[in-house]
């Protein structure tokens, strides 16, 4: 057992290396063919000494995570959060030391979750367009939120603040205008970078400028696997500072964690959690689907099934191009999870338990998003999966939060 553990600490799988380097697995296999990497003959794993020169691996090996954990607010920093959902971002910001003045969310089940777990939080339920943010009396240090990615109308427009009216981005911009926070942080899907050939992001930049804010760093896609989250989720982060404060301090992105966490770390006692995951509510497969899924190996997907079962399961999709790697997908204990969706048993985005033949249960889902075990979700199981699947992973949110606290501390100085 000790030898196996030592090998796990000194070696890395091709799949995990591909995730770290943001390359497809076939690119790693190509490096092996060229002799750039030499896997262990018995295990097929790569010794970590061979990859120490890659910048992403250097960042892990030179992590300042423990140092950054010590960052604390110099004073009370007030936060307003929009589109709060089931609380992933809010929990991370709380862990970093921010104090929530108000959280807005329209989904009633998500609001029930926030109130149930934090009765002291001021949760304002309802349509954001109906909220008058000028009623907030406190000085707001930071405003956060993840607005949905929506197209803007371009016809004959100057493409400023008023031209985004009718979108949820407009409502976030209006909240910034009415609360005048020192800093704002918006998170979104990676696709926003290229949405409408970059026009959407260009308009967002225009509006930020018009509101009297500067983006203090270029928008950046952060990969959750680097921030103590056992999941391959990616989020685009935009951070702006009020122009009267611009140039008074430098913002630094959070340091990455010392290692990459896996599904096994989420489900069993170890570095992430002090006990194995408990049983919880979850969806079930119909009998025939369960029979087919039972034939998929750990870390495998539909192409690992016998051809007759591939045809039965995939139906018309069997003849279409593309890998469709989310279909009939069973997770692996030794890798991070694929990005969680709002349902673990959708055909296109299957998230089957690594060992048992069933969809991930709600508590397993929550652990992969690094929610604490004492965070209790409210509502029917479909609403619970939705709250978890849409959340910002708590540990990643906390890492970003500590960087924002450090930036505000420097502004204070």
Protein backbone atom coordinates (compact mmCIF):
# COMPACT_ATOMS: atom_id res chain seq x y z
CA UNK A 1 0.00 0.00 0.00
CA UNK A 2 2.85 2.39 0.92
CA UNK A 3 4.61 1.68 -2.40
CA UNK A 4 1.39 2.42 -4.29
CA UNK A 5 0.97 5.66 -2.35
CA UNK A 6 4.58 6.72 -3.04
CA UNK A 7 4.08 6.01 -6.75
CA UNK A 8 0.88 8.12 -6.72
CA UNK A 9 2.83 11.00 -5.15
CA UNK A 10 5.78 10.76 -7.54
CA UNK A 11 3.93 9.90 -10.77
CA UNK A 12 1.07 11.39 -12.75
CA UNK A 13 -1.43 9.95 -15.23
CA UNK A 14 -1.56 11.07 -18.87
CA UNK A 15 -5.12 12.33 -18.31
CA UNK A 16 -4.14 14.47 -15.33
CA UNK A 17 -1.09 15.86 -17.13
CA UNK A 18 -3.32 16.79 -20.08
CA UNK A 19 -5.63 18.68 -17.71
CA UNK A 20 -2.74 20.56 -16.09
CA UNK A 21 -1.22 21.56 -19.45
CA UNK A 22 -4.63 22.30 -21.04
CA UNK A 23 -3.88 19.84 -23.83
CA UNK A 24 -5.88 16.95 -25.29
CA UNK A 25 -4.69 13.53 -24.15
CA UNK A 26 -3.55 12.73 -27.72
CA UNK A 27 -1.02 15.59 -27.46
CA UNK A 28 0.54 13.91 -24.42
CA UNK A 29 0.58 10.60 -26.31
CA UNK A 30 2.31 12.42 -29.18
CA UNK A 31 5.01 13.67 -26.76
CA UNK A 32 5.55 10.06 -25.67
CA UNK A 33 5.93 8.92 -29.30
CA UNK A 34 8.49 11.66 -29.90
CA UNK A 35 10.44 10.59 -26.81
CA UNK A 36 9.77 13.84 -24.92
CA UNK A 37 8.08 11.85 -22.14
CA UNK A 38 8.70 8.27 -21.00
CA UNK A 39 5.94 6.53 -19.05
CA UNK A 40 6.67 3.87 -16.43
CA UNK A 41 6.58 0.43 -18.11
CA UNK A 42 4.39 -1.19 -15.47
CA UNK A 43 1.93 1.60 -14.60
CA UNK A 44 1.93 3.79 -17.71
CA UNK A 45 2.32 6.85 -15.44
CA UNK A 46 4.78 9.72 -15.98
CA UNK A 47 7.36 10.52 -13.28
CA UNK A 48 6.96 14.08 -12.04
CA UNK A 49 10.64 14.88 -12.59
CA UNK A 50 10.00 14.70 -16.35
CA UNK A 51 7.42 17.48 -16.27
CA UNK A 52 8.94 19.84 -13.66
CA UNK A 53 10.00 22.32 -16.39
CA UNK A 54 6.45 23.07 -17.57
CA UNK A 55 5.28 26.51 -16.26
CA UNK A 56 1.96 25.08 -15.00
CA UNK A 57 3.82 22.42 -13.01
CA UNK A 58 6.33 24.98 -11.71
CA UNK A 59 3.41 27.07 -10.41
CA UNK A 60 2.13 24.06 -8.47
CA UNK A 61 5.57 23.21 -7.10
CA UNK A 62 6.21 26.85 -6.07
CA UNK A 63 2.73 27.44 -4.65
CA UNK A 64 2.24 30.34 -2.21
CA UNK A 65 -1.21 29.05 -1.24
CA UNK A 66 -0.39 28.61 2.47
CA UNK A 67 1.05 32.13 2.61
CA UNK A 68 -2.06 33.59 0.94
CA UNK A 69 -4.33 31.77 3.41
CA UNK A 70 -3.03 34.18 6.05
CA UNK A 71 -4.41 37.25 4.20
CA UNK A 72 -7.08 38.92 6.36
CA UNK A 73 -9.06 42.18 5.86
CA UNK A 74 -7.52 45.26 7.50
CA UNK A 75 -11.03 46.41 8.32
CA UNK A 76 -14.62 45.31 7.62
CA UNK A 77 -15.15 45.10 3.84
CA UNK A 78 -18.81 45.30 2.78
CA UNK A 79 -20.00 43.12 -0.10
CA UNK A 80 -23.08 43.10 -2.32
CA UNK A 81 -23.63 39.93 -4.35
CA UNK A 82 -25.96 39.55 -7.32
CA UNK A 83 -27.22 36.29 -8.87
CA UNK A 84 -26.20 34.56 -5.63
CA UNK A 85 -27.64 31.10 -6.46
CA UNK A 86 -26.99 28.38 -3.91
CA UNK A 87 -24.15 30.27 -2.25
CA UNK A 88 -20.85 29.01 -3.72
CA UNK A 89 -19.40 32.45 -4.43
CA UNK A 90 -20.88 33.94 -1.25
CA UNK A 91 -19.34 31.19 0.91
CA UNK A 92 -15.95 31.70 -0.70
CA UNK A 93 -16.13 35.45 -0.17
CA UNK A 94 -17.16 34.89 3.45
CA UNK A 95 -14.18 32.54 3.94
CA UNK A 96 -11.91 35.27 2.54
CA UNK A 97 -13.26 37.72 5.15
CA UNK A 98 -15.92 39.78 3.35
CA UNK A 99 -19.16 40.75 5.10
CA UNK A 100 -22.33 40.47 3.01
CA UNK A 101 -24.58 43.54 3.14
CA UNK A 102 -27.03 42.15 0.59
CA UNK A 103 -27.44 39.11 -1.64
CA UNK A 104 -29.95 39.07 -4.49
CA UNK A 105 -31.34 35.93 -6.13
CA UNK A 106 -34.64 35.31 -7.94
CA UNK A 107 -34.85 31.51 -7.49
CA UNK A 108 -36.96 30.74 -4.41
CA UNK A 109 -35.23 27.44 -3.58
CA UNK A 110 -31.76 29.03 -3.75
CA UNK A 111 -33.01 31.85 -1.48
CA UNK A 112 -34.31 29.23 0.97
CA UNK A 113 -30.85 27.62 0.96
CA UNK A 114 -29.11 30.94 1.68
CA UNK A 115 -31.53 31.84 4.50
CA UNK A 116 -31.47 28.36 6.03
CA UNK A 117 -27.67 28.29 6.28
CA UNK A 118 -27.06 31.97 7.06
CA UNK A 119 -30.10 33.46 8.83
CA UNK A 120 -28.07 36.67 9.43
CA UNK A 121 -27.54 37.33 5.69
CA UNK A 122 -29.77 39.94 4.06
CA UNK A 123 -31.18 37.82 1.22
CA UNK A 124 -33.36 39.84 -1.14
CA UNK A 125 -35.50 37.48 -3.21
CA UNK A 126 -36.87 38.56 -6.56
CA UNK A 127 -36.28 40.24 -9.90
CA UNK A 128 -33.07 42.28 -9.87
CA UNK A 129 -34.64 44.89 -12.18
CA UNK A 130 -37.05 45.80 -9.36
CA UNK A 131 -34.32 46.53 -6.79
CA UNK A 132 -33.31 50.10 -5.96
CA UNK A 133 -29.67 49.79 -4.93
CA UNK A 134 -29.53 53.47 -3.88
CA UNK A 135 -31.39 52.37 -0.74
CA UNK A 136 -28.24 50.63 0.55
CA UNK A 137 -26.83 52.95 3.21
CA UNK A 138 -23.44 51.30 3.81
CA UNK A 139 -20.35 52.13 1.80
CA UNK A 140 -19.81 49.15 -0.50
CA UNK A 141 -16.25 47.94 -0.94
CA UNK A 142 -16.98 45.22 -3.47
CA UNK A 143 -19.85 44.06 -5.68
CA UNK A 144 -19.76 40.54 -7.11
CA UNK A 145 -21.92 38.37 -9.31
CA UNK A 146 -22.14 36.03 -12.26
CA UNK A 147 -24.45 37.52 -14.87
CA UNK A 148 -25.66 35.15 -17.62
CA UNK A 149 -23.98 35.51 -21.01
CA UNK A 150 -26.54 37.18 -23.30
CA UNK A 151 -26.32 38.73 -26.76
CA UNK A 152 -26.77 42.48 -27.11
CA UNK A 153 -28.65 44.18 -29.95
CA UNK A 154 -26.20 45.95 -32.28
CA UNK A 155 -28.38 47.69 -34.86
CA UNK A 156 -27.51 51.40 -35.00
CA UNK A 157 -26.36 51.54 -31.39
CA UNK A 158 -23.54 53.42 -29.74
CA UNK A 159 -23.08 50.28 -27.62
CA UNK A 160 -22.93 51.89 -24.19
CA UNK A 161 -24.69 51.41 -20.87
CA UNK A 162 -28.24 52.24 -22.08
CA UNK A 163 -27.86 49.97 -25.10
CA UNK A 164 -27.52 46.91 -22.86
CA UNK A 165 -30.94 47.57 -21.26
CA UNK A 166 -33.05 44.45 -21.06
CA UNK A 167 -30.09 42.17 -20.28
CA UNK A 168 -28.96 40.98 -16.87
CA UNK A 169 -25.56 42.54 -17.51
CA UNK A 170 -27.36 45.92 -17.64
CA UNK A 171 -28.81 45.21 -14.18
CA UNK A 172 -25.36 44.39 -12.79
CA UNK A 173 -23.97 47.57 -14.39
CA UNK A 174 -26.86 49.55 -12.87
CA UNK A 175 -26.10 48.06 -9.44
CA UNK A 176 -22.45 49.16 -9.83
CA UNK A 177 -23.59 52.65 -10.87
CA UNK A 178 -25.95 52.94 -7.87
CA UNK A 179 -23.66 51.49 -5.18
CA UNK A 180 -20.30 52.84 -6.45
CA UNK A 181 -18.19 50.02 -4.96
CA UNK A 182 -14.43 50.44 -4.86
CA UNK A 183 -14.07 47.16 -6.77
CA UNK A 184 -16.33 44.77 -8.66
CA UNK A 185 -15.78 41.15 -9.66
CA UNK A 186 -17.91 39.52 -12.37
CA UNK A 187 -17.63 35.85 -13.29
CA UNK A 188 -18.91 34.15 -16.41
CA UNK A 189 -18.47 31.25 -18.78
CA UNK A 190 -15.29 30.98 -20.85
CA UNK A 191 -17.39 31.42 -24.01
CA UNK A 192 -17.92 35.10 -23.17
CA UNK A 193 -14.38 35.75 -24.50
CA UNK A 194 -15.44 34.83 -28.03
CA UNK A 195 -19.22 35.41 -27.82
CA UNK A 196 -20.52 37.18 -30.96
CA UNK A 197 -16.92 37.27 -32.28
CA UNK A 198 -15.76 39.25 -29.24
CA UNK A 199 -18.39 41.99 -29.60
CA UNK A 200 -20.14 41.11 -26.33
CA UNK A 201 -16.95 41.51 -24.29
CA UNK A 202 -16.11 44.73 -26.17
CA UNK A 203 -19.49 46.23 -25.20
CA UNK A 204 -18.97 45.13 -21.59
CA UNK A 205 -15.60 46.93 -21.61
CA UNK A 206 -17.30 50.06 -23.02
CA UNK A 207 -19.93 50.03 -20.29
CA UNK A 208 -17.36 49.47 -17.52
CA UNK A 209 -15.43 52.49 -18.79
CA UNK A 210 -18.62 54.57 -19.05
CA UNK A 211 -19.49 53.72 -15.43
CA UNK A 212 -16.16 55.18 -14.27
CA UNK A 213 -14.27 51.92 -13.76
CA UNK A 214 -11.10 50.36 -15.18
CA UNK A 215 -10.43 46.67 -15.61
CA UNK A 216 -7.38 46.31 -13.36
CA UNK A 217 -6.22 43.14 -15.11
CA UNK A 218 -7.13 41.52 -18.40
CA UNK A 219 -10.13 39.17 -18.01
CA UNK A 220 -8.76 35.72 -17.21
CA UNK A 221 -10.09 32.17 -17.41
CA UNK A 222 -9.36 30.39 -14.12
CA UNK A 223 -9.34 26.58 -14.03
CA UNK A 224 -10.85 25.20 -10.83
CA UNK A 225 -8.42 22.25 -10.71
CA UNK A 226 -5.66 24.70 -9.76
CA UNK A 227 -7.56 26.05 -6.72
CA UNK A 228 -8.12 22.96 -4.56
CA UNK A 229 -11.28 21.94 -6.46
CA UNK A 230 -11.60 18.36 -7.80
CA UNK A 231 -13.32 19.49 -10.99
CA UNK A 232 -12.37 20.69 -14.50
CA UNK A 233 -14.66 23.75 -14.34
CA UNK A 234 -13.47 26.98 -15.95
CA UNK A 235 -14.74 30.48 -15.19
CA UNK A 236 -13.93 33.81 -16.82
CA UNK A 237 -13.19 36.46 -14.18
CA UNK A 238 -13.45 40.24 -14.75
CA UNK A 239 -12.24 42.62 -12.05
CA UNK A 240 -12.66 46.40 -12.15
CA UNK A 241 -11.67 49.27 -9.88
CA UNK A 242 -13.20 52.74 -9.59
CA UNK A 243 -11.14 55.19 -11.66
CA UNK A 244 -10.36 57.45 -8.69
CA UNK A 245 -8.56 54.45 -7.13
CA UNK A 246 -6.92 53.09 -10.29
CA UNK A 247 -3.14 52.80 -10.13
CA UNK A 248 -3.01 52.99 -6.32
CA UNK A 249 -2.42 49.25 -5.88
CA UNK A 250 -1.64 46.18 -7.97
CA UNK A 251 -3.97 43.19 -8.20
CA UNK A 252 -2.38 39.74 -8.27
CA UNK A 253 -4.25 36.60 -9.25
CA UNK A 254 -4.35 33.90 -6.55
CA UNK A 255 -1.55 31.38 -6.34
CA UNK A 256 -2.45 27.86 -7.43
CA UNK A 257 -2.75 25.02 -4.92
CA UNK A 258 0.10 22.59 -4.19
CA UNK A 259 -1.51 19.66 -6.02
CA UNK A 260 -4.51 18.72 -8.14
CA UNK A 261 -7.42 17.20 -6.22
CA UNK A 262 -9.43 14.26 -7.62
CA UNK A 263 -12.91 12.77 -7.32
CA UNK A 264 -11.42 10.37 -4.75
CA UNK A 265 -10.39 13.35 -2.62
CA UNK A 266 -13.99 14.60 -2.75
CA UNK A 267 -15.66 11.31 -1.86
CA UNK A 268 -13.31 9.95 0.80
CA UNK A 269 -11.63 11.13 4.00
CA UNK A 270 -8.43 13.05 3.32
CA UNK A 271 -7.12 16.50 2.50
CA UNK A 272 -10.46 17.99 1.43
CA UNK A 273 -12.84 16.40 3.94
CA UNK A 274 -12.41 14.83 7.39
CA UNK A 275 -14.75 11.90 6.65
CA UNK A 276 -16.11 9.83 3.79
CA UNK A 277 -19.12 11.34 2.04
CA UNK A 278 -22.48 10.42 3.58
CA UNK A 279 -25.39 8.94 1.66
CA UNK A 280 -27.78 11.56 0.31
CA UNK A 281 -30.69 12.06 -2.07
CA UNK A 282 -30.01 11.49 -5.75
CA UNK A 283 -31.41 10.45 -9.09
CA UNK A 284 -31.53 6.84 -10.29
CA UNK A 285 -31.06 5.23 -13.71
CA UNK A 286 -33.85 3.32 -15.46
CA UNK A 287 -33.09 -0.42 -15.38
CA UNK A 288 -31.85 -0.78 -18.98
CA UNK A 289 -29.64 2.30 -18.75
CA UNK A 290 -28.17 0.92 -15.53
CA UNK A 291 -27.37 -2.39 -17.30
CA UNK A 292 -25.54 -0.52 -20.08
CA UNK A 293 -23.73 1.91 -17.75
CA UNK A 294 -22.49 -1.01 -15.63
CA UNK A 295 -20.32 -2.03 -18.62
CA UNK A 296 -18.51 1.36 -18.74
CA UNK A 297 -15.11 1.20 -16.97
CA UNK A 298 -13.93 3.84 -14.50
CA UNK A 299 -12.94 6.99 -16.42
CA UNK A 300 -14.58 5.58 -19.56
CA UNK A 301 -17.48 6.61 -21.80
CA UNK A 302 -19.69 5.23 -24.59
CA UNK A 303 -16.80 4.26 -26.87
CA UNK A 304 -15.65 1.79 -24.19
CA UNK A 305 -18.88 -0.22 -24.61
CA UNK A 306 -19.24 -3.20 -26.99
CA UNK A 307 -20.36 -2.02 -30.45
CA UNK A 308 -23.94 -3.34 -30.13
CA UNK A 309 -24.41 -1.41 -26.85
CA UNK A 310 -22.83 1.71 -28.37
CA UNK A 311 -25.44 1.61 -31.13
CA UNK A 312 -28.30 0.97 -28.70
CA UNK A 313 -27.28 3.74 -26.31
CA UNK A 314 -26.24 6.38 -28.84
CA UNK A 315 -28.99 5.74 -31.41
CA UNK A 316 -28.65 8.33 -34.23
CA UNK A 317 -25.71 10.02 -32.50
CA UNK A 318 -23.63 6.87 -33.15
CA UNK A 319 -23.17 7.96 -36.79
CA UNK A 320 -22.40 11.62 -36.09
CA UNK A 321 -18.89 13.07 -35.81
CA UNK A 322 -17.18 14.35 -32.67
CA UNK A 323 -16.12 12.53 -29.55
CA UNK A 324 -19.24 13.23 -27.44
CA UNK A 325 -17.08 12.30 -24.45
CA UNK A 326 -19.74 13.29 -21.90
CA UNK A 327 -22.12 10.55 -23.05
CA UNK A 328 -22.29 7.40 -20.90
CA UNK A 329 -19.40 8.91 -18.90
CA UNK A 330 -18.22 7.30 -15.69
CA UNK A 331 -15.94 9.47 -13.55
CA UNK A 332 -12.55 8.29 -12.30
CA UNK A 333 -11.44 8.39 -8.66
CA UNK A 334 -7.91 9.34 -9.74
CA UNK A 335 -8.89 12.38 -11.85
CA UNK A 336 -10.83 15.60 -11.28
CA UNK A 337 -14.50 15.42 -12.26
CA UNK A 338 -15.72 16.80 -15.54
CA UNK A 339 -17.60 20.09 -15.06
CA UNK A 340 -20.81 19.42 -13.13
CA UNK A 341 -24.05 20.40 -14.85
CA UNK A 342 -27.52 21.02 -13.41
CA UNK A 343 -28.32 17.30 -13.65
CA UNK A 344 -25.97 14.31 -13.24
CA UNK A 345 -28.00 12.00 -15.50
CA UNK A 346 -28.50 13.99 -18.69
CA UNK A 347 -27.53 11.88 -21.68
CA UNK A 348 -25.11 14.46 -23.12
CA UNK A 349 -23.40 15.21 -19.81
CA UNK A 350 -23.44 11.97 -17.84
CA UNK A 351 -21.75 12.02 -14.42
CA UNK A 352 -21.81 8.41 -13.21
CA UNK A 353 -20.25 7.43 -9.88
CA UNK A 354 -16.74 5.98 -10.36
CA UNK A 355 -17.50 2.63 -8.72
CA UNK A 356 -21.26 2.28 -8.25
CA UNK A 357 -23.58 2.36 -11.26
CA UNK A 358 -25.70 5.42 -10.45
CA UNK A 359 -25.60 9.19 -10.97
CA UNK A 360 -23.65 11.18 -8.38
CA UNK A 361 -25.77 11.90 -5.30
CA UNK A 362 -26.42 15.47 -4.19
CA UNK A 363 -23.82 15.44 -1.39
CA UNK A 364 -21.21 14.01 -3.74
CA UNK A 365 -22.11 16.78 -6.19
CA UNK A 366 -21.69 19.37 -3.43
CA UNK A 367 -18.28 18.01 -2.40
CA UNK A 368 -16.99 18.17 -5.98
CA UNK A 369 -17.95 21.89 -5.82
CA UNK A 370 -16.15 22.04 -2.41
CA UNK A 371 -19.23 23.04 -0.41
CA UNK A 372 -18.81 22.22 3.30
CA UNK A 373 -20.82 19.22 4.48
CA UNK A 374 -22.85 21.38 6.86
CA UNK A 375 -24.20 23.52 3.98
CA UNK A 376 -27.75 22.19 3.54
CA UNK A 377 -29.53 22.74 0.22
CA UNK A 378 -33.28 23.37 0.19
CA UNK A 379 -35.93 22.40 -2.35
CA UNK A 380 -36.70 19.28 -4.42
CA UNK A 381 -33.78 17.18 -5.68
CA UNK A 382 -33.91 18.80 -9.15
CA UNK A 383 -33.55 22.25 -7.52
CA UNK A 384 -30.69 21.01 -5.33
CA UNK A 385 -28.73 19.67 -8.32
CA UNK A 386 -29.39 22.95 -10.15
CA UNK A 387 -28.08 25.07 -7.24
CA UNK A 388 -24.94 22.95 -6.93
CA UNK A 389 -24.31 22.61 -10.67
CA UNK A 390 -24.56 26.36 -11.30
CA UNK A 391 -22.34 27.38 -8.37
CA UNK A 392 -18.86 28.84 -8.36
CA UNK A 393 -16.69 26.25 -6.55
CA UNK A 394 -16.27 27.46 -2.97
CA UNK A 395 -12.49 26.93 -2.74
CA UNK A 396 -11.87 28.78 -6.00
CA UNK A 397 -14.14 31.63 -4.87
CA UNK A 398 -12.22 31.86 -1.59
CA UNK A 399 -8.87 32.02 -3.42
CA UNK A 400 -10.14 34.88 -5.63
CA UNK A 401 -11.62 36.51 -2.52
CA UNK A 402 -8.26 36.50 -0.72
CA UNK A 403 -6.64 38.20 -3.73
CA UNK A 404 -9.38 40.84 -3.63
CA UNK A 405 -8.90 41.34 0.14
CA UNK A 406 -5.17 41.80 -0.42
CA UNK A 407 -5.90 44.36 -3.15
CA UNK A 408 -8.31 46.30 -0.90
CA UNK A 409 -5.79 46.15 1.94
CA UNK A 410 -3.19 47.69 -0.39
CA UNK A 411 -5.69 50.40 -1.43
CA UNK A 412 -6.21 51.20 2.26
CA UNK A 413 -2.48 51.55 2.73
